[in-house]
Amino acid sequence: LAALGILLKKKVDLVVTDMKMPKSDGVTLVVAIRKHHSHIPVILMTAYAIEESVQKAVDQHVAAVLKKPFHIDELVKAISAALPAESTTN
């Protein structure tokens, strides 16, 4: 996954990812992120609200699961909730 390469090279405060991706899925990415960066909050978006997949994501301690379509205010609220106060003031 290209995202993991980025996470290994750069400081990232938050990851927003989709459940469905061309070569993988969001839960697989979250599991991989948790192995190397357990502290990074992850927001998962999905148009496919399959309960089993959503539960797997929740089990990996995602910060939020946003079901598409969602309003931008929902994403902003999820980001604000996921980041420590000092991260959102810089």
PDB file of N, CA and C in Angstrom:
ATOM      1  N   LEU A   1       0.829  -1.186   0.000  1.00  0.00           N
ATOM      2  CA  LEU A   1       0.000   0.000   0.000  1.00  0.00           C
ATOM      3  C   LEU A   1       0.873   1.250   0.000  1.00  0.00           C
ATOM      4  N   ALA A   2       0.601   2.126  -0.919  1.00  0.00           N
ATOM      5  CA  ALA A   2       1.375   3.366  -1.039  1.00  0.00           C
ATOM      6  C   ALA A   2       1.245   4.224   0.218  1.00  0.00           C
ATOM      7  N   ALA A   3       0.081   4.199   0.840  1.00  0.00           N
ATOM      8  CA  ALA A   3      -0.134   5.006   2.041  1.00  0.00           C
ATOM      9  C   ALA A   3       0.838   4.636   3.153  1.00  0.00           C
ATOM     10  N   LEU A   4       1.147   3.369   3.286  1.00  0.00           N
ATOM     11  CA  LEU A   4       2.089   2.953   4.332  1.00  0.00           C
ATOM     12  C   LEU A   4       3.478   3.499   4.079  1.00  0.00           C
ATOM     13  N   GLY A   5       3.891   3.551   2.829  1.00  0.00           N
ATOM     14  CA  GLY A   5       5.179   4.143   2.487  1.00  0.00           C
ATOM     15  C   GLY A   5       5.255   5.595   2.906  1.00  0.00           C
ATOM     16  N   ILE A   6       4.175   6.318   2.680  1.00  0.00           N
ATOM     17  CA  ILE A   6       4.123   7.729   3.086  1.00  0.00           C
ATOM     18  C   ILE A   6       4.205   7.839   4.603  1.00  0.00           C
ATOM     19  N   LEU A   7       3.472   6.985   5.307  1.00  0.00           N
ATOM     20  CA  LEU A   7       3.478   7.034   6.771  1.00  0.00           C
ATOM     21  C   LEU A   7       4.838   6.721   7.367  1.00  0.00           C
ATOM     22  N   LEU A   8       5.616   5.904   6.677  1.00  0.00           N
ATOM     23  CA  LEU A   8       6.949   5.572   7.176  1.00  0.00           C
ATOM     24  C   LEU A   8       7.949   6.699   6.937  1.00  0.00           C
ATOM     25  N   LYS A   9       7.674   7.562   5.948  1.00  0.00           N
ATOM     26  CA  LYS A   9       8.610   8.627   5.584  1.00  0.00           C
ATOM     27  C   LYS A   9       8.256   9.994   6.145  1.00  0.00           C
ATOM     28  N   LYS A  10       6.978  10.229   6.394  1.00  0.00           N
ATOM     29  CA  LYS A  10       6.544  11.563   6.799  1.00  0.00           C
ATOM     30  C   LYS A  10       5.723  11.512   8.077  1.00  0.00           C
ATOM     31  N   LYS A  11       5.741  12.624   8.816  1.00  0.00           N
ATOM     32  CA  LYS A  11       4.906  12.747  10.005  1.00  0.00           C
ATOM     33  C   LYS A  11       3.481  13.052   9.546  1.00  0.00           C
ATOM     34  N   VAL A  12       2.568  12.239   9.985  1.00  0.00           N
ATOM     35  CA  VAL A  12       1.168  12.391   9.607  1.00  0.00           C
ATOM     36  C   VAL A  12       0.349  12.500  10.887  1.00  0.00           C
ATOM     37  N   ASP A  13      -0.551  13.478  10.924  1.00  0.00           N
ATOM     38  CA  ASP A  13      -1.376  13.677  12.111  1.00  0.00           C
ATOM     39  C   ASP A  13      -2.688  12.904  12.062  1.00  0.00           C
ATOM     40  N   LEU A  14      -3.164  12.595  10.851  1.00  0.00           N
ATOM     41  CA  LEU A  14      -4.480  11.996  10.678  1.00  0.00           C
ATOM     42  C   LEU A  14      -4.540  11.307   9.328  1.00  0.00           C
ATOM     43  N   VAL A  15      -5.261  10.200   9.248  1.00  0.00           N
ATOM     44  CA  VAL A  15      -5.473   9.514   7.970  1.00  0.00           C
ATOM     45  C   VAL A  15      -6.973   9.469   7.715  1.00  0.00           C
ATOM     46  N   VAL A  16      -7.367   9.885   6.517  1.00  0.00           N
ATOM     47  CA  VAL A  16      -8.744   9.738   6.052  1.00  0.00           C
ATOM     48  C   VAL A  16      -8.669   8.805   4.862  1.00  0.00           C
ATOM     49  N   THR A  17      -9.387   7.684   4.945  1.00  0.00           N
ATOM     50  CA  THR A  17      -9.320   6.691   3.880  1.00  0.00           C
ATOM     51  C   THR A  17     -10.702   6.145   3.571  1.00  0.00           C
ATOM     52  N   ASP A  18     -10.794   5.518   2.423  1.00  0.00           N
ATOM     53  CA  ASP A  18     -12.041   4.914   1.998  1.00  0.00           C
ATOM     54  C   ASP A  18     -12.023   3.429   2.327  1.00  0.00           C
ATOM     55  N   MET A  19     -13.179   2.848   2.463  1.00  0.00           N
ATOM     56  CA  MET A  19     -13.276   1.410   2.705  1.00  0.00           C
ATOM     57  C   MET A  19     -12.865   0.633   1.454  1.00  0.00           C
ATOM     58  N   LYS A  20     -13.301   1.086   0.292  1.00  0.00           N
ATOM     59  CA  LYS A  20     -12.996   0.398  -0.967  1.00  0.00           C
ATOM     60  C   LYS A  20     -11.858   1.120  -1.674  1.00  0.00           C
ATOM     61  N   MET A  21     -10.830   0.352  -2.037  1.00  0.00           N
ATOM     62  CA  MET A  21      -9.698   0.888  -2.787  1.00  0.00           C
ATOM     63  C   MET A  21      -9.355  -0.109  -3.887  1.00  0.00           C
ATOM     64  N   PRO A  22      -8.670   0.349  -4.934  1.00  0.00           N
ATOM     65  CA  PRO A  22      -8.392  -0.544  -6.075  1.00  0.00           C
ATOM     66  C   PRO A  22      -7.679  -1.847  -5.718  1.00  0.00           C
ATOM     67  N   LYS A  23      -6.685  -1.806  -4.844  1.00  0.00           N
ATOM     68  CA  LYS A  23      -5.896  -3.006  -4.568  1.00  0.00           C
ATOM     69  C   LYS A  23      -6.005  -3.488  -3.123  1.00  0.00           C
ATOM     70  N   SER A  24      -6.822  -2.837  -2.329  1.00  0.00           N
ATOM     71  CA  SER A  24      -6.924  -3.203  -0.927  1.00  0.00           C
ATOM     72  C   SER A  24      -8.253  -2.702  -0.387  1.00  0.00           C
ATOM     73  N   ASP A  25      -8.336  -2.605   0.937  1.00  0.00           N
ATOM     74  CA  ASP A  25      -9.525  -2.027   1.559  1.00  0.00           C
ATOM     75  C   ASP A  25      -9.105  -1.250   2.801  1.00  0.00           C
ATOM     76  N   GLY A  26     -10.010  -0.426   3.273  1.00  0.00           N
ATOM     77  CA  GLY A  26      -9.698   0.442   4.399  1.00  0.00           C
ATOM     78  C   GLY A  26      -9.348  -0.287   5.673  1.00  0.00           C
ATOM     79  N   VAL A  27     -10.015  -1.398   5.934  1.00  0.00           N
ATOM     80  CA  VAL A  27      -9.727  -2.142   7.166  1.00  0.00           C
ATOM     81  C   VAL A  27      -8.307  -2.698   7.131  1.00  0.00           C
ATOM     82  N   THR A  28      -7.890  -3.221   5.989  1.00  0.00           N
ATOM     83  CA  THR A  28      -6.517  -3.722   5.847  1.00  0.00           C
ATOM     84  C   THR A  28      -5.514  -2.601   6.098  1.00  0.00           C
ATOM     85  N   LEU A  29      -5.795  -1.419   5.557  1.00  0.00           N
ATOM     86  CA  LEU A  29      -4.912  -0.276   5.777  1.00  0.00           C
ATOM     87  C   LEU A  29      -4.876   0.097   7.258  1.00  0.00           C
ATOM     88  N   VAL A  30      -6.029   0.126   7.901  1.00  0.00           N
ATOM     89  CA  VAL A  30      -6.073   0.489   9.323  1.00  0.00           C
ATOM     90  C   VAL A  30      -5.276  -0.510  10.160  1.00  0.00           C
ATOM     91  N   VAL A  31      -5.421  -1.789   9.872  1.00  0.00           N
ATOM     92  CA  VAL A  31      -4.661  -2.817  10.604  1.00  0.00           C
ATOM     93  C   VAL A  31      -3.162  -2.572  10.437  1.00  0.00           C
ATOM     94  N   ALA A  32      -2.735  -2.272   9.211  1.00  0.00           N
ATOM     95  CA  ALA A  32      -1.314  -2.011   8.953  1.00  0.00           C
ATOM     96  C   ALA A  32      -0.855  -0.738   9.665  1.00  0.00           C
ATOM     97  N   ILE A  33      -1.685   0.290   9.655  1.00  0.00           N
ATOM     98  CA  ILE A  33      -1.334   1.536  10.350  1.00  0.00           C
ATOM     99  C   ILE A  33      -1.175   1.256  11.845  1.00  0.00           C
ATOM    100  N   ARG A  34      -2.063   0.498  12.412  1.00  0.00           N
ATOM    101  CA  ARG A  34      -2.007   0.197  13.846  1.00  0.00           C
ATOM    102  C   ARG A  34      -0.729  -0.548  14.221  1.00  0.00           C
ATOM    103  N   LYS A  35      -0.186  -1.357  13.332  1.00  0.00           N
ATOM    104  CA  LYS A  35       1.052  -2.089  13.623  1.00  0.00           C
ATOM    105  C   LYS A  35       2.239  -1.152  13.789  1.00  0.00           C
ATOM    106  N   HIS A  36       2.263  -0.062  13.018  1.00  0.00           N
ATOM    107  CA  HIS A  36       3.415   0.842  13.000  1.00  0.00           C
ATOM    108  C   HIS A  36       3.153   2.184  13.676  1.00  0.00           C
ATOM    109  N   HIS A  37       1.916   2.627  13.653  1.00  0.00           N
ATOM    110  CA  HIS A  37       1.576   3.965  14.158  1.00  0.00           C
ATOM    111  C   HIS A  37       0.251   3.901  14.917  1.00  0.00           C
ATOM    112  N   SER A  38       0.260   3.314  16.062  1.00  0.00           N
ATOM    113  CA  SER A  38      -0.983   3.119  16.813  1.00  0.00           C
ATOM    114  C   SER A  38      -1.625   4.429  17.263  1.00  0.00           C
ATOM    115  N   HIS A  39      -0.855   5.500  17.272  1.00  0.00           N
ATOM    116  CA  HIS A  39      -1.345   6.781  17.774  1.00  0.00           C
ATOM    117  C   HIS A  39      -2.054   7.628  16.715  1.00  0.00           C
ATOM    118  N   ILE A  40      -1.921   7.297  15.441  1.00  0.00           N
ATOM    119  CA  ILE A  40      -2.505   8.122  14.376  1.00  0.00           C
ATOM    120  C   ILE A  40      -4.005   7.843  14.269  1.00  0.00           C
ATOM    121  N   PRO A  41      -4.827   8.882  14.418  1.00  0.00           N
ATOM    122  CA  PRO A  41      -6.262   8.681  14.241  1.00  0.00           C
ATOM    123  C   PRO A  41      -6.594   8.409  12.768  1.00  0.00           C
ATOM    124  N   VAL A  42      -7.566   7.537  12.557  1.00  0.00           N
ATOM    125  CA  VAL A  42      -7.993   7.186  11.201  1.00  0.00           C
ATOM    126  C   VAL A  42      -9.496   7.400  11.098  1.00  0.00           C
ATOM    127  N   ILE A  43      -9.894   8.097  10.037  1.00  0.00           N
ATOM    128  CA  ILE A  43     -11.307   8.270   9.707  1.00  0.00           C
ATOM    129  C   ILE A  43     -11.558   7.459   8.450  1.00  0.00           C
ATOM    130  N   LEU A  44     -12.559   6.615   8.509  1.00  0.00           N
ATOM    131  CA  LEU A  44     -12.877   5.710   7.410  1.00  0.00           C
ATOM    132  C   LEU A  44     -14.189   6.157   6.768  1.00  0.00           C
ATOM    133  N   MET A  45     -14.181   6.254   5.447  1.00  0.00           N
ATOM    134  CA  MET A  45     -15.386   6.602   4.698  1.00  0.00           C
ATOM    135  C   MET A  45     -15.871   5.361   3.963  1.00  0.00           C
ATOM    136  N   THR A  46     -17.192   5.227   3.847  1.00  0.00           N
ATOM    137  CA  THR A  46     -17.711   4.087   3.112  1.00  0.00           C
ATOM    138  C   THR A  46     -19.097   4.348   2.542  1.00  0.00           C
ATOM    139  N   ALA A  47     -19.297   3.869   1.337  1.00  0.00           N
ATOM    140  CA  ALA A  47     -20.634   3.856   0.742  1.00  0.00           C
ATOM    141  C   ALA A  47     -21.257   2.491   0.953  1.00  0.00           C
ATOM    142  N   TYR A  48     -20.421   1.553   1.388  1.00  0.00           N
ATOM    143  CA  TYR A  48     -20.840   0.170   1.597  1.00  0.00           C
ATOM    144  C   TYR A  48     -20.881  -0.099   3.085  1.00  0.00           C
ATOM    145  N   ALA A  49     -21.996   0.163   3.684  1.00  0.00           N
ATOM    146  CA  ALA A  49     -22.121   0.028   5.131  1.00  0.00           C
ATOM    147  C   ALA A  49     -22.353  -1.428   5.517  1.00  0.00           C
ATOM    148  N   ILE A  50     -21.405  -2.278   5.178  1.00  0.00           N
ATOM    149  CA  ILE A  50     -21.483  -3.686   5.543  1.00  0.00           C
ATOM    150  C   ILE A  50     -21.095  -3.784   7.010  1.00  0.00           C
ATOM    151  N   GLU A  51     -22.030  -4.218   7.824  1.00  0.00           N
ATOM    152  CA  GLU A  51     -21.823  -4.226   9.269  1.00  0.00           C
ATOM    153  C   GLU A  51     -20.543  -4.939   9.690  1.00  0.00           C
ATOM    154  N   GLU A  52     -20.229  -6.064   9.075  1.00  0.00           N
ATOM    155  CA  GLU A  52     -19.033  -6.810   9.456  1.00  0.00           C
ATOM    156  C   GLU A  52     -17.772  -5.987   9.225  1.00  0.00           C
ATOM    157  N   SER A  53     -17.691  -5.324   8.077  1.00  0.00           N
ATOM    158  CA  SER A  53     -16.519  -4.495   7.771  1.00  0.00           C
ATOM    159  C   SER A  53     -16.447  -3.285   8.690  1.00  0.00           C
ATOM    160  N   VAL A  54     -17.584  -2.662   8.943  1.00  0.00           N
ATOM    161  CA  VAL A  54     -17.608  -1.508   9.843  1.00  0.00           C
ATOM    162  C   VAL A  54     -17.186  -1.946  11.242  1.00  0.00           C
ATOM    163  N   GLN A  55     -17.648  -3.101  11.692  1.00  0.00           N
ATOM    164  CA  GLN A  55     -17.270  -3.589  13.018  1.00  0.00           C
ATOM    165  C   GLN A  55     -15.777  -3.874  13.100  1.00  0.00           C
ATOM    166  N   LYS A  56     -15.195  -4.428  12.025  1.00  0.00           N
ATOM    167  CA  LYS A  56     -13.748  -4.661  12.000  1.00  0.00           C
ATOM    168  C   LYS A  56     -12.998  -3.344  12.136  1.00  0.00           C
ATOM    169  N   ALA A  57     -13.494  -2.310  11.468  1.00  0.00           N
ATOM    170  CA  ALA A  57     -12.860  -0.995  11.558  1.00  0.00           C
ATOM    171  C   ALA A  57     -12.964  -0.451  12.981  1.00  0.00           C
ATOM    172  N   VAL A  58     -14.126  -0.576  13.574  1.00  0.00           N
ATOM    173  CA  VAL A  58     -14.324  -0.105  14.942  1.00  0.00           C
ATOM    174  C   VAL A  58     -13.410  -0.870  15.895  1.00  0.00           C
ATOM    175  N   ASP A  59     -13.260  -2.159  15.659  1.00  0.00           N
ATOM    176  CA  ASP A  59     -12.368  -2.972  16.490  1.00  0.00           C
ATOM    177  C   ASP A  59     -10.920  -2.505  16.397  1.00  0.00           C
ATOM    178  N   GLN A  60     -10.556  -1.852  15.307  1.00  0.00           N
ATOM    179  CA  GLN A  60      -9.210  -1.319  15.125  1.00  0.00           C
ATOM    180  C   GLN A  60      -9.109   0.119  15.643  1.00  0.00           C
ATOM    181  N   HIS A  61     -10.121   0.564  16.332  1.00  0.00           N
ATOM    182  CA  HIS A  61     -10.126   1.880  16.976  1.00  0.00           C
ATOM    183  C   HIS A  61     -10.029   3.034  15.981  1.00  0.00           C
ATOM    184  N   VAL A  62     -10.830   2.981  14.915  1.00  0.00           N
ATOM    185  CA  VAL A  62     -10.884   4.130  14.021  1.00  0.00           C
ATOM    186  C   VAL A  62     -11.564   5.269  14.771  1.00  0.00           C
ATOM    187  N   ALA A  63     -11.193   6.479  14.417  1.00  0.00           N
ATOM    188  CA  ALA A  63     -11.757   7.646  15.089  1.00  0.00           C
ATOM    189  C   ALA A  63     -13.215   7.854  14.700  1.00  0.00           C
ATOM    190  N   ALA A  64     -13.551   7.522  13.446  1.00  0.00           N
ATOM    191  CA  ALA A  64     -14.926   7.686  12.964  1.00  0.00           C
ATOM    192  C   ALA A  64     -15.121   6.866  11.702  1.00  0.00           C
ATOM    193  N   VAL A  65     -16.366   6.475  11.478  1.00  0.00           N
ATOM    194  CA  VAL A  65     -16.763   5.860  10.220  1.00  0.00           C
ATOM    195  C   VAL A  65     -17.856   6.752   9.647  1.00  0.00           C
ATOM    196  N   LEU A  66     -17.575   7.341   8.494  1.00  0.00           N
ATOM    197  CA  LEU A  66     -18.539   8.224   7.843  1.00  0.00           C
ATOM    198  C   LEU A  66     -19.175   7.484   6.676  1.00  0.00           C
ATOM    199  N   LYS A  67     -20.484   7.414   6.688  1.00  0.00           N
ATOM    200  CA  LYS A  67     -21.205   6.733   5.616  1.00  0.00           C
ATOM    201  C   LYS A  67     -21.552   7.738   4.528  1.00  0.00           C
ATOM    202  N   LYS A  68     -21.127   7.410   3.293  1.00  0.00           N
ATOM    203  CA  LYS A  68     -21.389   8.273   2.145  1.00  0.00           C
ATOM    204  C   LYS A  68     -22.845   8.151   1.720  1.00  0.00           C
ATOM    205  N   PRO A  69     -23.419   9.209   1.208  1.00  0.00           N
ATOM    206  CA  PRO A  69     -22.841  10.557   1.151  1.00  0.00           C
ATOM    207  C   PRO A  69     -22.931  11.223   2.523  1.00  0.00           C
ATOM    208  N   PHE A  70     -21.933  12.031   2.810  1.00  0.00           N
ATOM    209  CA  PHE A  70     -21.942  12.774   4.063  1.00  0.00           C
ATOM    210  C   PHE A  70     -21.669  14.239   3.748  1.00  0.00           C
ATOM    211  N   HIS A  71     -22.067  15.090   4.654  1.00  0.00           N
ATOM    212  CA  HIS A  71     -21.851  16.525   4.497  1.00  0.00           C
ATOM    213  C   HIS A  71     -20.447  16.856   5.002  1.00  0.00           C
ATOM    214  N   ILE A  72     -19.817  17.830   4.402  1.00  0.00           N
ATOM    215  CA  ILE A  72     -18.454  18.223   4.773  1.00  0.00           C
ATOM    216  C   ILE A  72     -18.365  18.573   6.266  1.00  0.00           C
ATOM    217  N   ASP A  73     -19.442  19.103   6.820  1.00  0.00           N
ATOM    218  CA  ASP A  73     -19.442  19.430   8.253  1.00  0.00           C
ATOM    219  C   ASP A  73     -19.238  18.182   9.115  1.00  0.00           C
ATOM    220  N   GLU A  74     -19.734  17.037   8.653  1.00  0.00           N
ATOM    221  CA  GLU A  74     -19.530  15.793   9.395  1.00  0.00           C
ATOM    222  C   GLU A  74     -18.052  15.406   9.403  1.00  0.00           C
ATOM    223  N   LEU A  75     -17.375  15.612   8.269  1.00  0.00           N
ATOM    224  CA  LEU A  75     -15.944  15.320   8.194  1.00  0.00           C
ATOM    225  C   LEU A  75     -15.157  16.272   9.086  1.00  0.00           C
ATOM    226  N   VAL A  76     -15.488  17.545   9.034  1.00  0.00           N
ATOM    227  CA  VAL A  76     -14.804  18.540   9.873  1.00  0.00           C
ATOM    228  C   VAL A  76     -14.990  18.199  11.353  1.00  0.00           C
ATOM    229  N   LYS A  77     -16.206  17.811  11.728  1.00  0.00           N
ATOM    230  CA  LYS A  77     -16.480  17.446  13.122  1.00  0.00           C
ATOM    231  C   LYS A  77     -15.672  16.209  13.529  1.00  0.00           C
ATOM    232  N   ALA A  78     -15.596  15.216  12.638  1.00  0.00           N
ATOM    233  CA  ALA A  78     -14.832  13.995  12.936  1.00  0.00           C
ATOM    234  C   ALA A  78     -13.345  14.299  13.078  1.00  0.00           C
ATOM    235  N   ILE A  79     -12.823  15.170  12.212  1.00  0.00           N
ATOM    236  CA  ILE A  79     -11.413  15.558  12.288  1.00  0.00           C
ATOM    237  C   ILE A  79     -11.138  16.295  13.596  1.00  0.00           C
ATOM    238  N   SER A  80     -11.999  17.234  13.925  1.00  0.00           N
ATOM    239  CA  SER A  80     -11.827  17.993  15.165  1.00  0.00           C
ATOM    240  C   SER A  80     -11.847  17.091  16.393  1.00  0.00           C
ATOM    241  N   ALA A  81     -12.726  16.104  16.374  1.00  0.00           N
ATOM    242  CA  ALA A  81     -12.827  15.175  17.497  1.00  0.00           C
ATOM    243  C   ALA A  81     -11.620  14.255  17.576  1.00  0.00           C
ATOM    244  N   ALA A  82     -11.038  13.928  16.419  1.00  0.00           N
ATOM    245  CA  ALA A  82      -9.932  12.959  16.371  1.00  0.00           C
ATOM    246  C   ALA A  82      -8.576  13.566  16.744  1.00  0.00           C
ATOM    247  N   LEU A  83      -8.415  14.851  16.491  1.00  0.00           N
ATOM    248  CA  LEU A  83      -7.120  15.479  16.738  1.00  0.00           C
ATOM    249  C   LEU A  83      -7.075  16.144  18.109  1.00  0.00           C
ATOM    250  N   PRO A  84      -5.940  16.047  18.769  1.00  0.00           N
ATOM    251  CA  PRO A  84      -5.783  16.767  20.040  1.00  0.00           C
ATOM    252  C   PRO A  84      -5.953  18.265  19.817  1.00  0.00           C
ATOM    253  N   ALA A  85      -6.390  18.959  20.831  1.00  0.00           N
ATOM    254  CA  ALA A  85      -6.658  20.396  20.726  1.00  0.00           C
ATOM    255  C   ALA A  85      -5.477  21.180  20.190  1.00  0.00           C
ATOM    256  N   GLU A  86      -4.256  20.835  20.601  1.00  0.00           N
ATOM    257  CA  GLU A  86      -3.083  21.594  20.154  1.00  0.00           C
ATOM    258  C   GLU A  86      -2.827  21.411  18.661  1.00  0.00           C
ATOM    259  N   SER A  87      -3.257  20.300  18.063  1.00  0.00           N
ATOM    260  CA  SER A  87      -3.048  20.068  16.638  1.00  0.00           C
ATOM    261  C   SER A  87      -3.973  20.937  15.807  1.00  0.00           C
ATOM    262  N   THR A  88      -5.164  21.235  16.320  1.00  0.00           N
ATOM    263  CA  THR A  88      -6.125  21.991  15.548  1.00  0.00           C
ATOM    264  C   THR A  88      -5.927  23.500  15.663  1.00  0.00           C
ATOM    265  N   THR A  89      -5.063  23.951  16.560  1.00  0.00           N
ATOM    266  CA  THR A  89      -4.849  25.388  16.718  1.00  0.00           C
ATOM    267  C   THR A  89      -3.640  25.886  15.963  1.00  0.00           C
ATOM    268  N   ASN A  90      -2.824  24.989  15.430  1.00  0.00           N
ATOM    269  CA  ASN A  90      -1.608  25.403  14.707  1.00  0.00           C
ATOM    270  C   ASN A  90      -1.898  25.733  13.282  1.00  0.00           C
TER     271      ASN A  90
END
